């Protein structure tokens, strides 16, 4: 699951970079991609921080 999530994060990161170069940063589509990426990054952080806590 973690690898799949990292792949989705990378795809959205690249898409955001591409759109950010060709659109205003307040463009609706850029904001939506950014919000999706934020959500995935938050999920990844929850997963990895939980794994770190489980280690102790």
PDB file of N, CA and C in Angstrom:
ATOM      1  N   UNK A   1       0.828  -1.204   0.000  1.00  0.00           N
ATOM      2  CA  UNK A   1       0.000   0.000   0.000  1.00  0.00           C
ATOM      3  C   UNK A   1       0.861   1.252   0.000  1.00  0.00           C
ATOM      4  N   UNK A   2       1.918   1.232   0.802  1.00  0.00           N
ATOM      5  CA  UNK A   2       2.784   2.406   0.897  1.00  0.00           C
ATOM      6  C   UNK A   2       3.430   2.735  -0.451  1.00  0.00           C
ATOM      7  N   UNK A   3       3.855   1.715  -1.181  1.00  0.00           N
ATOM      8  CA  UNK A   3       4.475   1.947  -2.489  1.00  0.00           C
ATOM      9  C   UNK A   3       3.471   2.523  -3.482  1.00  0.00           C
ATOM     10  N   UNK A   4       2.248   2.025  -3.410  1.00  0.00           N
ATOM     11  CA  UNK A   4       1.194   2.525  -4.298  1.00  0.00           C
ATOM     12  C   UNK A   4       0.912   4.007  -4.002  1.00  0.00           C
ATOM     13  N   UNK A   5       0.884   4.336  -2.729  1.00  0.00           N
ATOM     14  CA  UNK A   5       0.645   5.716  -2.319  1.00  0.00           C
ATOM     15  C   UNK A   5       1.784   6.620  -2.787  1.00  0.00           C
ATOM     16  N   UNK A   6       3.012   6.165  -2.648  1.00  0.00           N
ATOM     17  CA  UNK A   6       4.170   6.946  -3.106  1.00  0.00           C
ATOM     18  C   UNK A   6       4.104   7.166  -4.619  1.00  0.00           C
ATOM     19  N   UNK A   7       3.660   6.178  -5.356  1.00  0.00           N
ATOM     20  CA  UNK A   7       3.521   6.308  -6.808  1.00  0.00           C
ATOM     21  C   UNK A   7       2.478   7.372  -7.149  1.00  0.00           C
ATOM     22  N   UNK A   8       1.344   7.347  -6.458  1.00  0.00           N
ATOM     23  CA  UNK A   8       0.297   8.350  -6.690  1.00  0.00           C
ATOM     24  C   UNK A   8       0.793   9.748  -6.338  1.00  0.00           C
ATOM     25  N   UNK A   9       1.566   9.846  -5.253  1.00  0.00           N
ATOM     26  CA  UNK A   9       2.137  11.138  -4.851  1.00  0.00           C
ATOM     27  C   UNK A   9       3.060  11.659  -5.946  1.00  0.00           C
ATOM     28  N   UNK A  10       3.898  10.804  -6.462  1.00  0.00           N
ATOM     29  CA  UNK A  10       4.839  11.215  -7.506  1.00  0.00           C
ATOM     30  C   UNK A  10       4.123  11.664  -8.771  1.00  0.00           C
ATOM     31  N   UNK A  11       3.082  10.939  -9.163  1.00  0.00           N
ATOM     32  CA  UNK A  11       2.313  11.310 -10.356  1.00  0.00           C
ATOM     33  C   UNK A  11       1.676  12.685 -10.176  1.00  0.00           C
ATOM     34  N   UNK A  12       1.064  12.913  -9.021  1.00  0.00           N
ATOM     35  CA  UNK A  12       0.436  14.217  -8.783  1.00  0.00           C
ATOM     36  C   UNK A  12       1.468  15.332  -8.650  1.00  0.00           C
ATOM     37  N   UNK A  13       2.608  15.032  -8.061  1.00  0.00           N
ATOM     38  CA  UNK A  13       3.663  16.035  -7.924  1.00  0.00           C
ATOM     39  C   UNK A  13       4.129  16.507  -9.302  1.00  0.00           C
ATOM     40  N   UNK A  14       4.337  15.556 -10.196  1.00  0.00           N
ATOM     41  CA  UNK A  14       4.748  15.911 -11.566  1.00  0.00           C
ATOM     42  C   UNK A  14       3.661  16.701 -12.290  1.00  0.00           C
ATOM     43  N   UNK A  15       2.425  16.275 -12.101  1.00  0.00           N
ATOM     44  CA  UNK A  15       1.300  16.968 -12.743  1.00  0.00           C
ATOM     45  C   UNK A  15       1.198  18.399 -12.218  1.00  0.00           C
ATOM     46  N   UNK A  16       1.360  18.562 -10.916  1.00  0.00           N
ATOM     47  CA  UNK A  16       1.294  19.898 -10.321  1.00  0.00           C
ATOM     48  C   UNK A  16       2.419  20.774 -10.845  1.00  0.00           C
ATOM     49  N   UNK A  17       3.618  20.234 -10.933  1.00  0.00           N
ATOM     50  CA  UNK A  17       4.741  21.005 -11.481  1.00  0.00           C
ATOM     51  C   UNK A  17       4.460  21.453 -12.909  1.00  0.00           C
ATOM     52  N   UNK A  18       3.929  20.546 -13.718  1.00  0.00           N
ATOM     53  CA  UNK A  18       3.613  20.854 -15.112  1.00  0.00           C
ATOM     54  C   UNK A  18       2.558  21.952 -15.208  1.00  0.00           C
ATOM     55  N   UNK A  19       1.475  21.798 -14.453  1.00  0.00           N
ATOM     56  CA  UNK A  19       0.402  22.791 -14.497  1.00  0.00           C
ATOM     57  C   UNK A  19       0.851  24.120 -13.905  1.00  0.00           C
ATOM     58  N   UNK A  20       1.697  24.064 -12.882  1.00  0.00           N
ATOM     59  CA  UNK A  20       2.180  25.291 -12.261  1.00  0.00           C
ATOM     60  C   UNK A  20       3.016  26.135 -13.200  1.00  0.00           C
ATOM     61  N   UNK A  21       3.637  25.498 -14.171  1.00  0.00           N
ATOM     62  CA  UNK A  21       4.446  26.229 -15.147  1.00  0.00           C
ATOM     63  C   UNK A  21       3.600  26.876 -16.239  1.00  0.00           C
ATOM     64  N   UNK A  22       2.422  26.324 -16.475  1.00  0.00           N
ATOM     65  CA  UNK A  22       1.602  26.812 -17.592  1.00  0.00           C
ATOM     66  C   UNK A  22       0.314  27.518 -17.163  1.00  0.00           C
ATOM     67  N   UNK A  23       0.007  27.495 -15.874  1.00  0.00           N
ATOM     68  CA  UNK A  23      -1.220  28.118 -15.368  1.00  0.00           C
ATOM     69  C   UNK A  23      -0.873  29.002 -14.172  1.00  0.00           C
ATOM     70  N   UNK A  24      -1.767  29.918 -13.865  1.00  0.00           N
ATOM     71  CA  UNK A  24      -1.615  30.701 -12.635  1.00  0.00           C
ATOM     72  C   UNK A  24      -1.734  29.758 -11.444  1.00  0.00           C
ATOM     73  N   UNK A  25      -1.017  30.071 -10.378  1.00  0.00           N
ATOM     74  CA  UNK A  25      -1.043  29.206  -9.204  1.00  0.00           C
ATOM     75  C   UNK A  25      -2.395  29.212  -8.496  1.00  0.00           C
ATOM     76  N   UNK A  26      -3.238  30.190  -8.810  1.00  0.00           N
ATOM     77  CA  UNK A  26      -4.588  30.220  -8.231  1.00  0.00           C
ATOM     78  C   UNK A  26      -5.632  29.640  -9.188  1.00  0.00           C
ATOM     79  N   UNK A  27      -5.185  29.107 -10.311  1.00  0.00           N
ATOM     80  CA  UNK A  27      -6.080  28.450 -11.252  1.00  0.00           C
ATOM     81  C   UNK A  27      -6.788  27.287 -10.548  1.00  0.00           C
ATOM     82  N   UNK A  28      -8.060  27.121 -10.837  1.00  0.00           N
ATOM     83  CA  UNK A  28      -8.870  26.088 -10.186  1.00  0.00           C
ATOM     84  C   UNK A  28      -8.231  24.703 -10.290  1.00  0.00           C
ATOM     85  N   UNK A  29      -7.744  24.355 -11.452  1.00  0.00           N
ATOM     86  CA  UNK A  29      -7.175  23.022 -11.658  1.00  0.00           C
ATOM     87  C   UNK A  29      -5.870  22.841 -10.860  1.00  0.00           C
ATOM     88  N   UNK A  30      -5.057  23.882 -10.813  1.00  0.00           N
ATOM     89  CA  UNK A  30      -3.813  23.824 -10.033  1.00  0.00           C
ATOM     90  C   UNK A  30      -4.131  23.643  -8.554  1.00  0.00           C
ATOM     91  N   UNK A  31      -5.115  24.376  -8.061  1.00  0.00           N
ATOM     92  CA  UNK A  31      -5.511  24.278  -6.655  1.00  0.00           C
ATOM     93  C   UNK A  31      -6.050  22.887  -6.348  1.00  0.00           C
ATOM     94  N   UNK A  32      -6.864  22.340  -7.241  1.00  0.00           N
ATOM     95  CA  UNK A  32      -7.417  20.998  -7.025  1.00  0.00           C
ATOM     96  C   UNK A  32      -6.315  19.938  -6.967  1.00  0.00           C
ATOM     97  N   UNK A  33      -5.361  20.023  -7.883  1.00  0.00           N
ATOM     98  CA  UNK A  33      -4.252  19.068  -7.879  1.00  0.00           C
ATOM     99  C   UNK A  33      -3.447  19.220  -6.595  1.00  0.00           C
ATOM    100  N   UNK A  34      -3.214  20.447  -6.190  1.00  0.00           N
ATOM    101  CA  UNK A  34      -2.465  20.711  -4.962  1.00  0.00           C
ATOM    102  C   UNK A  34      -3.178  20.135  -3.742  1.00  0.00           C
ATOM    103  N   UNK A  35      -4.484  20.285  -3.694  1.00  0.00           N
ATOM    104  CA  UNK A  35      -5.258  19.745  -2.575  1.00  0.00           C
ATOM    105  C   UNK A  35      -5.231  18.213  -2.568  1.00  0.00           C
ATOM    106  N   UNK A  36      -5.299  17.615  -3.733  1.00  0.00           N
ATOM    107  CA  UNK A  36      -5.216  16.154  -3.825  1.00  0.00           C
ATOM    108  C   UNK A  36      -3.853  15.675  -3.336  1.00  0.00           C
ATOM    109  N   UNK A  37      -2.808  16.390  -3.758  1.00  0.00           N
ATOM    110  CA  UNK A  37      -1.456  16.031  -3.336  1.00  0.00           C
ATOM    111  C   UNK A  37      -1.303  16.195  -1.828  1.00  0.00           C
ATOM    112  N   UNK A  38      -1.828  17.276  -1.284  1.00  0.00           N
ATOM    113  CA  UNK A  38      -1.785  17.482   0.173  1.00  0.00           C
ATOM    114  C   UNK A  38      -2.447  16.323   0.912  1.00  0.00           C
ATOM    115  N   UNK A  39      -3.586  15.896   0.405  1.00  0.00           N
ATOM    116  CA  UNK A  39      -4.307  14.800   1.038  1.00  0.00           C
ATOM    117  C   UNK A  39      -3.480  13.512   1.024  1.00  0.00           C
ATOM    118  N   UNK A  40      -2.858  13.211  -0.103  1.00  0.00           N
ATOM    119  CA  UNK A  40      -2.033  12.007  -0.197  1.00  0.00           C
ATOM    120  C   UNK A  40      -0.807  12.104   0.710  1.00  0.00           C
ATOM    121  N   UNK A  41      -0.199  13.288   0.763  1.00  0.00           N
ATOM    122  CA  UNK A  41       0.960  13.478   1.642  1.00  0.00           C
ATOM    123  C   UNK A  41       0.566  13.310   3.109  1.00  0.00           C
ATOM    124  N   UNK A  42      -0.609  13.795   3.470  1.00  0.00           N
ATOM    125  CA  UNK A  42      -1.096  13.613   4.847  1.00  0.00           C
ATOM    126  C   UNK A  42      -1.321  12.132   5.149  1.00  0.00           C
ATOM    127  N   UNK A  43      -1.882  11.407   4.204  1.00  0.00           N
ATOM    128  CA  UNK A  43      -2.080   9.963   4.382  1.00  0.00           C
ATOM    129  C   UNK A  43      -0.742   9.262   4.576  1.00  0.00           C
ATOM    130  N   UNK A  44       0.219   9.629   3.749  1.00  0.00           N
ATOM    131  CA  UNK A  44       1.542   9.010   3.839  1.00  0.00           C
ATOM    132  C   UNK A  44       2.190   9.314   5.191  1.00  0.00           C
ATOM    133  N   UNK A  45       2.046  10.536   5.642  1.00  0.00           N
ATOM    134  CA  UNK A  45       2.618  10.910   6.937  1.00  0.00           C
ATOM    135  C   UNK A  45       1.976  10.111   8.065  1.00  0.00           C
ATOM    136  N   UNK A  46       0.647   9.939   8.009  1.00  0.00           N
ATOM    137  CA  UNK A  46      -0.031   9.150   9.042  1.00  0.00           C
ATOM    138  C   UNK A  46       0.472   7.711   9.047  1.00  0.00           C
ATOM    139  N   UNK A  47       0.627   7.139   7.863  1.00  0.00           N
ATOM    140  CA  UNK A  47       1.095   5.757   7.759  1.00  0.00           C
ATOM    141  C   UNK A  47       2.508   5.623   8.306  1.00  0.00           C
ATOM    142  N   UNK A  48       3.391   6.495   7.884  1.00  0.00           N
ATOM    143  CA  UNK A  48       4.789   6.369   8.294  1.00  0.00           C
ATOM    144  C   UNK A  48       4.986   6.731   9.759  1.00  0.00           C
ATOM    145  N   UNK A  49       4.250   7.697  10.263  1.00  0.00           N
ATOM    146  CA  UNK A  49       4.413   8.037  11.680  1.00  0.00           C
ATOM    147  C   UNK A  49       3.847   6.915  12.552  1.00  0.00           C
ATOM    148  N   UNK A  50       2.792   6.257  12.100  1.00  0.00           N
ATOM    149  CA  UNK A  50       2.235   5.115  12.828  1.00  0.00           C
ATOM    150  C   UNK A  50       3.236   3.960  12.858  1.00  0.00           C
ATOM    151  N   UNK A  51       3.912   3.742  11.722  1.00  0.00           N
ATOM    152  CA  UNK A  51       4.923   2.686  11.662  1.00  0.00           C
ATOM    153  C   UNK A  51       6.079   2.988  12.601  1.00  0.00           C
ATOM    154  N   UNK A  52       6.468   4.257  12.683  1.00  0.00           N
ATOM    155  CA  UNK A  52       7.556   4.637  13.583  1.00  0.00           C
ATOM    156  C   UNK A  52       7.157   4.434  15.036  1.00  0.00           C
ATOM    157  N   UNK A  53       5.924   4.764  15.362  1.00  0.00           N
ATOM    158  CA  UNK A  53       5.443   4.577  16.731  1.00  0.00           C
ATOM    159  C   UNK A  53       5.350   3.102  17.082  1.00  0.00           C
ATOM    160  N   UNK A  54       4.972   2.287  16.101  1.00  0.00           N
ATOM    161  CA  UNK A  54       4.868   0.853  16.339  1.00  0.00           C
ATOM    162  C   UNK A  54       6.237   0.233  16.593  1.00  0.00           C
ATOM    163  N   UNK A  55       7.262   0.850  16.041  1.00  0.00           N
ATOM    164  CA  UNK A  55       8.621   0.343  16.226  1.00  0.00           C
ATOM    165  C   UNK A  55       9.037   0.423  17.683  1.00  0.00           C
ATOM    166  N   UNK A  56       8.633   1.476  18.382  1.00  0.00           N
ATOM    167  CA  UNK A  56       9.025   1.666  19.782  1.00  0.00           C
ATOM    168  C   UNK A  56       8.150   0.799  20.620  1.00  0.00           C
TER     169      UNK A  56
END
